[in-house]
Amino acid sequence: MLIKTTMDQGVVVIRLNRPEKRNALNSALMQELTATLSEYDTNPDVGCFVITGSEQIFAAGADISEMANKNYQEMAECDYFAGWEAIDRIRTPIIAAVSGYALGGGCELAMMCDTIFAADSALFGQPELTIGVIPGMGGSQRLTKLVGKAKAMDMILTGRMMDATEAERAGLVSRVVPEHQLLRETMDAAHTIASYSKPAVVLAKECVVNAEKLPVSEGVRFERRVFHSLFATHDQKEGMKAFIAKRKPNFIGQ
């Protein structure tokens, strides 16, 4: 098994499990990870995912040994890396808990998640130019959207690493915590998300994702229509009744 999966109170934790390869991302791991995400995504009892690695390393990058001897035709015919796009279709929120190195494909995988929590030991980088290629799993696109053109150019063209403090300041990560508290704080946030109404959570994620794709006027209109639609759910009625009654709501995901 190239990943280890556990479920805890509505949160599915997926731990990358290739320690002998520094959690390098090969095709088999990609297939296992995306299949697991897709399977649990349709489970109404799952409210959040957490993807993590070890304390020393999140993922060192894509598995160079798998692709080193391939030629252009082979890479193009199989549309190498295209399988990772399956993560974009996951509707349940995903938090990346990053400790240690997240380089190349590892940084790109973290950026595919909806938000990144980083240990103070985390280091992010896109060093593909040092081996004669460029980012291929969305690094040039997602990094630029998250940290801006200047920072993205700096990291990609020089191959330098960004530490957790700079990553938070630049907007790459949402929280930086001491390494020994990383998983606890990530799980606290994940449990909070999982405790809410899943229809509302899924649609909130979709609205935020659309904010990067739509003009503000269209995004606001989409948000308003989604807001209206939630008044057809049991959880909206329960949530507002609970608020008025000053009690904790009992959401059922419907």
C-alpha atoms as a PDB file:
ATOM      1  CA  MET A   1       0.000   0.000   0.000  1.00  0.00           C
ATOM      2  CA  LEU A   2       1.401   3.356  -1.063  1.00  0.00           C
ATOM      3  CA  ILE A   3      -0.995   5.269   1.162  1.00  0.00           C
ATOM      4  CA  LYS A   4      -2.405   4.579   4.615  1.00  0.00           C
ATOM      5  CA  THR A   5      -6.021   5.568   5.227  1.00  0.00           C
ATOM      6  CA  THR A   6      -7.870   6.038   8.503  1.00  0.00           C
ATOM      7  CA  MET A   7     -11.231   7.595   9.339  1.00  0.00           C
ATOM      8  CA  ASP A   8     -11.919   9.577  12.500  1.00  0.00           C
ATOM      9  CA  GLN A   9     -15.246  11.278  13.218  1.00  0.00           C
ATOM     10  CA  GLY A  10     -16.019  12.128   9.617  1.00  0.00           C
ATOM     11  CA  VAL A  11     -12.430  12.953   8.668  1.00  0.00           C
ATOM     12  CA  VAL A  12     -10.480  10.684   6.312  1.00  0.00           C
ATOM     13  CA  VAL A  13      -6.729  10.938   6.880  1.00  0.00           C
ATOM     14  CA  ILE A  14      -4.555   9.812   3.962  1.00  0.00           C
ATOM     15  CA  ARG A  15      -0.866   9.397   4.724  1.00  0.00           C
ATOM     16  CA  LEU A  16       1.613   9.037   1.851  1.00  0.00           C
ATOM     17  CA  ASN A  17       3.538   5.820   2.466  1.00  0.00           C
ATOM     18  CA  ARG A  18       6.686   5.446   0.338  1.00  0.00           C
ATOM     19  CA  PRO A  19       9.336   6.155   2.989  1.00  0.00           C
ATOM     20  CA  GLU A  20      12.062   4.379   1.047  1.00  0.00           C
ATOM     21  CA  LYS A  21      11.446   6.772  -1.897  1.00  0.00           C
ATOM     22  CA  ARG A  22      10.899   9.913   0.220  1.00  0.00           C
ATOM     23  CA  ASN A  23       7.191   9.703  -0.678  1.00  0.00           C
ATOM     24  CA  ALA A  24       7.970  10.300  -4.351  1.00  0.00           C
ATOM     25  CA  LEU A  25       4.746  10.393  -6.358  1.00  0.00           C
ATOM     26  CA  ASN A  26       4.538   7.665  -8.983  1.00  0.00           C
ATOM     27  CA  SER A  27       1.596   6.565 -11.123  1.00  0.00           C
ATOM     28  CA  ALA A  28       0.601   3.768  -8.757  1.00  0.00           C
ATOM     29  CA  LEU A  29       0.436   6.151  -5.788  1.00  0.00           C
ATOM     30  CA  MET A  30      -1.542   8.635  -7.872  1.00  0.00           C
ATOM     31  CA  GLN A  31      -4.070   5.962  -8.829  1.00  0.00           C
ATOM     32  CA  GLU A  32      -4.388   4.741  -5.242  1.00  0.00           C
ATOM     33  CA  LEU A  33      -4.769   8.260  -3.856  1.00  0.00           C
ATOM     34  CA  THR A  34      -7.296   9.507  -6.409  1.00  0.00           C
ATOM     35  CA  ALA A  35      -9.336   6.279  -6.177  1.00  0.00           C
ATOM     36  CA  THR A  36      -9.490   6.618  -2.383  1.00  0.00           C
ATOM     37  CA  LEU A  37     -10.524  10.263  -2.568  1.00  0.00           C
ATOM     38  CA  SER A  38     -13.216   9.479  -5.150  1.00  0.00           C
ATOM     39  CA  GLU A  39     -14.574   6.574  -3.116  1.00  0.00           C
ATOM     40  CA  TYR A  40     -14.892   8.521   0.127  1.00  0.00           C
ATOM     41  CA  ASP A  41     -16.078  11.700  -1.610  1.00  0.00           C
ATOM     42  CA  THR A  42     -19.507  10.143  -2.186  1.00  0.00           C
ATOM     43  CA  ASN A  43     -19.795   8.927   1.413  1.00  0.00           C
ATOM     44  CA  PRO A  44     -22.252  11.206   3.256  1.00  0.00           C
ATOM     45  CA  ASP A  45     -20.451  10.463   6.537  1.00  0.00           C
ATOM     46  CA  VAL A  46     -17.189  12.004   5.262  1.00  0.00           C
ATOM     47  CA  GLY A  47     -16.909  15.743   5.786  1.00  0.00           C
ATOM     48  CA  CYS A  48     -13.215  16.449   5.213  1.00  0.00           C
ATOM     49  CA  PHE A  49      -9.965  14.887   3.973  1.00  0.00           C
ATOM     50  CA  VAL A  50      -6.473  15.384   5.376  1.00  0.00           C
ATOM     51  CA  ILE A  51      -3.478  14.461   3.205  1.00  0.00           C
ATOM     52  CA  THR A  52      -0.129  14.247   4.971  1.00  0.00           C
ATOM     53  CA  GLY A  53       3.289  12.572   4.872  1.00  0.00           C
ATOM     54  CA  SER A  54       5.868  11.981   7.578  1.00  0.00           C
ATOM     55  CA  GLU A  55       7.408  14.490   9.987  1.00  0.00           C
ATOM     56  CA  GLN A  56      10.525  14.715   7.805  1.00  0.00           C
ATOM     57  CA  ILE A  57       8.932  14.833   4.392  1.00  0.00           C
ATOM     58  CA  PHE A  58       5.552  15.447   2.794  1.00  0.00           C
ATOM     59  CA  ALA A  59       6.680  14.383  -0.682  1.00  0.00           C
ATOM     60  CA  ALA A  60      10.032  14.869  -2.399  1.00  0.00           C
ATOM     61  CA  GLY A  61       8.389  15.253  -5.793  1.00  0.00           C
ATOM     62  CA  ALA A  62       7.355  13.099  -8.710  1.00  0.00           C
ATOM     63  CA  ASP A  63       9.175   9.788  -9.103  1.00  0.00           C
ATOM     64  CA  ILE A  64      12.031  10.667 -11.461  1.00  0.00           C
ATOM     65  CA  SER A  65      13.012   7.021 -11.958  1.00  0.00           C
ATOM     66  CA  GLU A  66       9.575   6.295 -13.442  1.00  0.00           C
ATOM     67  CA  MET A  67       9.872   8.917 -16.167  1.00  0.00           C
ATOM     68  CA  ALA A  68      13.613   9.414 -16.775  1.00  0.00           C
ATOM     69  CA  ASN A  69      13.867   7.092 -19.785  1.00  0.00           C
ATOM     70  CA  LYS A  70      10.573   8.002 -21.450  1.00  0.00           C
ATOM     71  CA  ASN A  71      10.577   9.944 -24.707  1.00  0.00           C
ATOM     72  CA  TYR A  72       8.278  12.718 -25.868  1.00  0.00           C
ATOM     73  CA  GLN A  73       5.896  10.405 -27.699  1.00  0.00           C
ATOM     74  CA  GLU A  74       5.471   8.150 -24.664  1.00  0.00           C
ATOM     75  CA  MET A  75       4.829  11.098 -22.348  1.00  0.00           C
ATOM     76  CA  ALA A  76       2.355  12.706 -24.746  1.00  0.00           C
ATOM     77  CA  GLU A  77       0.482   9.517 -25.613  1.00  0.00           C
ATOM     78  CA  CYS A  78      -0.259   8.660 -21.978  1.00  0.00           C
ATOM     79  CA  ASP A  79      -0.761  12.368 -21.130  1.00  0.00           C
ATOM     80  CA  TYR A  80       1.590  11.889 -18.184  1.00  0.00           C
ATOM     81  CA  PHE A  81       0.376  13.587 -14.942  1.00  0.00           C
ATOM     82  CA  ALA A  82      -3.166  14.099 -16.321  1.00  0.00           C
ATOM     83  CA  GLY A  83      -4.521  11.617 -13.782  1.00  0.00           C
ATOM     84  CA  TRP A  84      -3.830  14.089 -10.977  1.00  0.00           C
ATOM     85  CA  GLU A  85      -6.650  16.282 -12.337  1.00  0.00           C
ATOM     86  CA  ALA A  86      -9.076  13.863 -10.644  1.00  0.00           C
ATOM     87  CA  ILE A  87      -8.372  15.733  -7.398  1.00  0.00           C
ATOM     88  CA  ASP A  88      -9.993  18.844  -8.892  1.00  0.00           C
ATOM     89  CA  ARG A  89     -13.260  16.893  -9.102  1.00  0.00           C
ATOM     90  CA  ILE A  90     -13.358  16.059  -5.382  1.00  0.00           C
ATOM     91  CA  ARG A  91     -16.195  18.031  -3.790  1.00  0.00           C
ATOM     92  CA  THR A  92     -15.346  17.367  -0.125  1.00  0.00           C
ATOM     93  CA  PRO A  93     -12.762  19.813   1.314  1.00  0.00           C
ATOM     94  CA  ILE A  94      -9.141  18.627   1.457  1.00  0.00           C
ATOM     95  CA  ILE A  95      -6.504  19.964   3.863  1.00  0.00           C
ATOM     96  CA  ALA A  96      -2.809  19.289   3.221  1.00  0.00           C
ATOM     97  CA  ALA A  97      -0.803  18.908   6.450  1.00  0.00           C
ATOM     98  CA  VAL A  98       2.782  19.550   5.373  1.00  0.00           C
ATOM     99  CA  SER A  99       5.826  18.815   7.488  1.00  0.00           C
ATOM    100  CA  GLY A 100       9.372  18.813   6.106  1.00  0.00           C
ATOM    101  CA  TYR A 101       9.996  18.887   2.371  1.00  0.00           C
ATOM    102  CA  ALA A 102       7.227  19.492  -0.198  1.00  0.00           C
ATOM    103  CA  LEU A 103       9.181  19.783  -3.430  1.00  0.00           C
ATOM    104  CA  GLY A 104       8.192  19.611  -7.073  1.00  0.00           C
ATOM    105  CA  GLY A 105       5.230  17.262  -7.306  1.00  0.00           C
ATOM    106  CA  GLY A 106       4.967  17.327  -3.516  1.00  0.00           C
ATOM    107  CA  CYS A 107       4.435  21.084  -3.548  1.00  0.00           C
ATOM    108  CA  GLU A 108       2.008  20.676  -6.447  1.00  0.00           C
ATOM    109  CA  LEU A 109       0.005  18.010  -4.596  1.00  0.00           C
ATOM    110  CA  ALA A 110      -0.253  20.279  -1.556  1.00  0.00           C
ATOM    111  CA  MET A 111      -1.502  23.099  -3.803  1.00  0.00           C
ATOM    112  CA  MET A 112      -4.170  20.800  -5.291  1.00  0.00           C
ATOM    113  CA  CYS A 113      -5.704  20.665  -1.816  1.00  0.00           C
ATOM    114  CA  ASP A 114      -8.119  23.352  -0.693  1.00  0.00           C
ATOM    115  CA  THR A 115      -5.811  24.751   1.971  1.00  0.00           C
ATOM    116  CA  ILE A 116      -2.389  23.965   3.445  1.00  0.00           C
ATOM    117  CA  PHE A 117      -1.453  23.778   7.111  1.00  0.00           C
ATOM    118  CA  ALA A 118       2.325  23.786   7.514  1.00  0.00           C
ATOM    119  CA  ALA A 119       4.647  22.754  10.307  1.00  0.00           C
ATOM    120  CA  ASP A 120       7.337  25.293  11.108  1.00  0.00           C
ATOM    121  CA  SER A 121       9.780  22.804   9.544  1.00  0.00           C
ATOM    122  CA  ALA A 122       8.048  22.842   6.141  1.00  0.00           C
ATOM    123  CA  LEU A 123       9.971  23.756   2.998  1.00  0.00           C
ATOM    124  CA  PHE A 124       8.279  24.303  -0.364  1.00  0.00           C
ATOM    125  CA  GLY A 125       9.926  24.390  -3.774  1.00  0.00           C
ATOM    126  CA  GLN A 126       9.585  23.833  -7.525  1.00  0.00           C
ATOM    127  CA  PRO A 127      13.121  22.770  -8.496  1.00  0.00           C
ATOM    128  CA  GLU A 128      12.254  21.115 -11.827  1.00  0.00           C
ATOM    129  CA  LEU A 129      14.599  23.339 -13.845  1.00  0.00           C
ATOM    130  CA  THR A 130      17.536  21.779 -11.981  1.00  0.00           C
ATOM    131  CA  ILE A 131      16.813  18.489 -13.815  1.00  0.00           C
ATOM    132  CA  GLY A 132      16.025  19.999 -17.196  1.00  0.00           C
ATOM    133  CA  VAL A 133      12.222  20.172 -17.112  1.00  0.00           C
ATOM    134  CA  ILE A 134       9.476  22.444 -15.759  1.00  0.00           C
ATOM    135  CA  PRO A 135       6.642  21.850 -13.287  1.00  0.00           C
ATOM    136  CA  GLY A 136       4.166  19.423 -14.856  1.00  0.00           C
ATOM    137  CA  MET A 137       1.437  18.894 -12.247  1.00  0.00           C
ATOM    138  CA  GLY A 138       0.140  22.457 -12.251  1.00  0.00           C
ATOM    139  CA  GLY A 139       2.962  24.173 -10.371  1.00  0.00           C
ATOM    140  CA  SER A 140       3.398  27.097 -12.738  1.00  0.00           C
ATOM    141  CA  GLN A 141      -0.329  27.803 -12.641  1.00  0.00           C
ATOM    142  CA  ARG A 142      -1.360  27.199  -9.029  1.00  0.00           C
ATOM    143  CA  LEU A 143       1.765  28.744  -7.516  1.00  0.00           C
ATOM    144  CA  THR A 144       1.281  31.913  -9.559  1.00  0.00           C
ATOM    145  CA  LYS A 145      -2.367  32.182  -8.485  1.00  0.00           C
ATOM    146  CA  LEU A 146      -1.457  31.661  -4.833  1.00  0.00           C
ATOM    147  CA  VAL A 147       1.677  33.773  -4.391  1.00  0.00           C
ATOM    148  CA  GLY A 148       1.693  36.052  -7.450  1.00  0.00           C
ATOM    149  CA  LYS A 149       3.909  36.287 -10.527  1.00  0.00           C
ATOM    150  CA  ALA A 150       7.040  37.666  -8.845  1.00  0.00           C
ATOM    151  CA  LYS A 151       7.301  34.971  -6.162  1.00  0.00           C
ATOM    152  CA  ALA A 152       6.360  32.208  -8.604  1.00  0.00           C
ATOM    153  CA  MET A 153       8.992  33.339 -11.096  1.00  0.00           C
ATOM    154  CA  ASP A 154      11.584  33.507  -8.341  1.00  0.00           C
ATOM    155  CA  MET A 155      10.872  30.003  -7.049  1.00  0.00           C
ATOM    156  CA  ILE A 156      10.490  28.308 -10.423  1.00  0.00           C
ATOM    157  CA  LEU A 157      13.377  30.019 -12.226  1.00  0.00           C
ATOM    158  CA  THR A 158      15.905  29.714  -9.398  1.00  0.00           C
ATOM    159  CA  GLY A 159      14.667  26.478  -7.833  1.00  0.00           C
ATOM    160  CA  ARG A 160      15.010  27.953  -4.348  1.00  0.00           C
ATOM    161  CA  MET A 161      12.931  26.696  -1.423  1.00  0.00           C
ATOM    162  CA  MET A 162      10.450  28.779   0.543  1.00  0.00           C
ATOM    163  CA  ASP A 163      10.220  28.152   4.288  1.00  0.00           C
ATOM    164  CA  ALA A 164       6.944  28.018   6.208  1.00  0.00           C
ATOM    165  CA  THR A 165       7.113  31.595   7.463  1.00  0.00           C
ATOM    166  CA  GLU A 166       7.598  33.023   3.986  1.00  0.00           C
ATOM    167  CA  ALA A 167       4.975  30.631   2.596  1.00  0.00           C
ATOM    168  CA  GLU A 168       2.380  31.928   5.036  1.00  0.00           C
ATOM    169  CA  ARG A 169       3.331  35.537   4.346  1.00  0.00           C
ATOM    170  CA  ALA A 170       3.083  34.930   0.582  1.00  0.00           C
ATOM    171  CA  GLY A 171      -0.308  33.229   0.805  1.00  0.00           C
ATOM    172  CA  LEU A 172       0.797  29.693  -0.065  1.00  0.00           C
ATOM    173  CA  VAL A 173      -0.244  28.267   3.317  1.00  0.00           C
ATOM    174  CA  SER A 174      -3.038  29.284   5.663  1.00  0.00           C
ATOM    175  CA  ARG A 175      -1.470  28.328   9.016  1.00  0.00           C
ATOM    176  CA  VAL A 176       1.989  27.612  10.418  1.00  0.00           C
ATOM    177  CA  VAL A 177       2.189  25.639  13.662  1.00  0.00           C
ATOM    178  CA  PRO A 178       4.932  23.892  15.647  1.00  0.00           C
ATOM    179  CA  GLU A 179       5.741  20.534  14.087  1.00  0.00           C
ATOM    180  CA  HIS A 180       4.502  18.513  17.057  1.00  0.00           C
ATOM    181  CA  GLN A 181       1.119  20.267  16.884  1.00  0.00           C
ATOM    182  CA  LEU A 182       0.577  20.027  13.123  1.00  0.00           C
ATOM    183  CA  LEU A 183      -1.656  16.988  12.930  1.00  0.00           C
ATOM    184  CA  ARG A 184      -3.621  17.949  16.040  1.00  0.00           C
ATOM    185  CA  GLU A 185      -4.400  21.430  14.725  1.00  0.00           C
ATOM    186  CA  THR A 186      -5.179  20.089  11.260  1.00  0.00           C
ATOM    187  CA  MET A 187      -7.536  17.489  12.701  1.00  0.00           C
ATOM    188  CA  ASP A 188      -9.243  20.099  14.877  1.00  0.00           C
ATOM    189  CA  ALA A 189      -9.986  22.162  11.765  1.00  0.00           C
ATOM    190  CA  ALA A 190     -11.027  19.080   9.778  1.00  0.00           C
ATOM    191  CA  HIS A 191     -13.390  17.932  12.543  1.00  0.00           C
ATOM    192  CA  THR A 192     -14.920  21.408  12.620  1.00  0.00           C
ATOM    193  CA  ILE A 193     -15.554  21.290   8.870  1.00  0.00           C
ATOM    194  CA  ALA A 194     -16.939  17.741   9.126  1.00  0.00           C
ATOM    195  CA  SER A 195     -19.356  18.816  11.866  1.00  0.00           C
ATOM    196  CA  TYR A 196     -21.197  21.204   9.544  1.00  0.00           C
ATOM    197  CA  SER A 197     -23.878  20.393   6.979  1.00  0.00           C
ATOM    198  CA  LYS A 198     -22.168  18.578   4.116  1.00  0.00           C
ATOM    199  CA  PRO A 199     -24.379  20.108   1.385  1.00  0.00           C
ATOM    200  CA  ALA A 200     -23.479  23.580   2.639  1.00  0.00           C
ATOM    201  CA  VAL A 201     -19.772  22.747   2.984  1.00  0.00           C
ATOM    202  CA  VAL A 202     -19.572  21.297  -0.528  1.00  0.00           C
ATOM    203  CA  LEU A 203     -21.301  24.319  -2.034  1.00  0.00           C
ATOM    204  CA  ALA A 204     -19.176  26.762  -0.032  1.00  0.00           C
ATOM    205  CA  LYS A 205     -16.061  25.099  -1.461  1.00  0.00           C
ATOM    206  CA  GLU A 206     -17.519  25.330  -4.972  1.00  0.00           C
ATOM    207  CA  CYS A 207     -18.209  29.043  -4.549  1.00  0.00           C
ATOM    208  CA  VAL A 208     -14.646  29.750  -3.429  1.00  0.00           C
ATOM    209  CA  VAL A 209     -13.220  27.678  -6.313  1.00  0.00           C
ATOM    210  CA  ASN A 210     -15.416  29.607  -8.743  1.00  0.00           C
ATOM    211  CA  ALA A 211     -14.075  32.893  -7.396  1.00  0.00           C
ATOM    212  CA  GLU A 212     -10.838  32.173  -9.276  1.00  0.00           C
ATOM    213  CA  LYS A 213     -12.686  31.400 -12.500  1.00  0.00           C
ATOM    214  CA  LEU A 214     -15.562  33.857 -12.743  1.00  0.00           C
ATOM    215  CA  PRO A 215     -15.817  37.643 -12.902  1.00  0.00           C
ATOM    216  CA  VAL A 216     -16.967  39.061  -9.563  1.00  0.00           C
ATOM    217  CA  SER A 217     -20.481  39.851 -10.834  1.00  0.00           C
ATOM    218  CA  GLU A 218     -21.014  36.289 -12.075  1.00  0.00           C
ATOM    219  CA  GLY A 219     -19.447  34.804  -8.961  1.00  0.00           C
ATOM    220  CA  VAL A 220     -21.725  36.834  -6.695  1.00  0.00           C
ATOM    221  CA  ARG A 221     -24.761  35.773  -8.730  1.00  0.00           C
ATOM    222  CA  PHE A 222     -23.711  32.117  -8.502  1.00  0.00           C
ATOM    223  CA  GLU A 223     -23.154  32.462  -4.742  1.00  0.00           C
ATOM    224  CA  ARG A 224     -26.607  33.997  -4.287  1.00  0.00           C
ATOM    225  CA  ARG A 225     -28.335  31.198  -6.214  1.00  0.00           C
ATOM    226  CA  VAL A 226     -26.468  28.587  -4.175  1.00  0.00           C
ATOM    227  CA  PHE A 227     -27.440  30.399  -0.970  1.00  0.00           C
ATOM    228  CA  HIS A 228     -31.084  30.279  -2.054  1.00  0.00           C
ATOM    229  CA  SER A 229     -30.848  26.566  -2.885  1.00  0.00           C
ATOM    230  CA  LEU A 230     -29.788  25.657   0.646  1.00  0.00           C
ATOM    231  CA  PHE A 231     -33.217  26.745   1.882  1.00  0.00           C
ATOM    232  CA  ALA A 232     -34.473  23.474   0.376  1.00  0.00           C
ATOM    233  CA  THR A 233     -32.424  21.464   2.903  1.00  0.00           C
ATOM    234  CA  HIS A 234     -33.272  20.055   6.306  1.00  0.00           C
ATOM    235  CA  ASP A 235     -29.948  21.332   7.662  1.00  0.00           C
ATOM    236  CA  GLN A 236     -30.797  24.973   6.898  1.00  0.00           C
ATOM    237  CA  LYS A 237     -34.016  24.676   8.890  1.00  0.00           C
ATOM    238  CA  GLU A 238     -32.230  22.854  11.731  1.00  0.00           C
ATOM    239  CA  GLY A 239     -29.296  25.274  11.777  1.00  0.00           C
ATOM    240  CA  MET A 240     -31.445  28.390  11.980  1.00  0.00           C
ATOM    241  CA  LYS A 241     -33.831  26.885  14.536  1.00  0.00           C
ATOM    242  CA  ALA A 242     -30.854  25.882  16.667  1.00  0.00           C
ATOM    243  CA  PHE A 243     -29.404  29.383  16.408  1.00  0.00           C
ATOM    244  CA  ILE A 244     -32.668  30.957  17.552  1.00  0.00           C
ATOM    245  CA  ALA A 245     -33.016  28.411  20.373  1.00  0.00           C
ATOM    246  CA  LYS A 246     -29.358  28.916  21.384  1.00  0.00           C
ATOM    247  CA  ARG A 247     -28.521  25.224  21.082  1.00  0.00           C
ATOM    248  CA  LYS A 248     -26.113  23.149  19.025  1.00  0.00           C
ATOM    249  CA  PRO A 249     -27.556  22.099  15.656  1.00  0.00           C
ATOM    250  CA  ASN A 250     -27.951  18.446  14.696  1.00  0.00           C
ATOM    251  CA  PHE A 251     -27.007  18.383  11.017  1.00  0.00           C
ATOM    252  CA  ILE A 252     -27.863  15.228   9.046  1.00  0.00           C
ATOM    253  CA  GLY A 253     -26.346  16.143   5.684  1.00  0.00           C
ATOM    254  CA  GLN A 254     -29.672  16.641   3.918  1.00  0.00           C
END
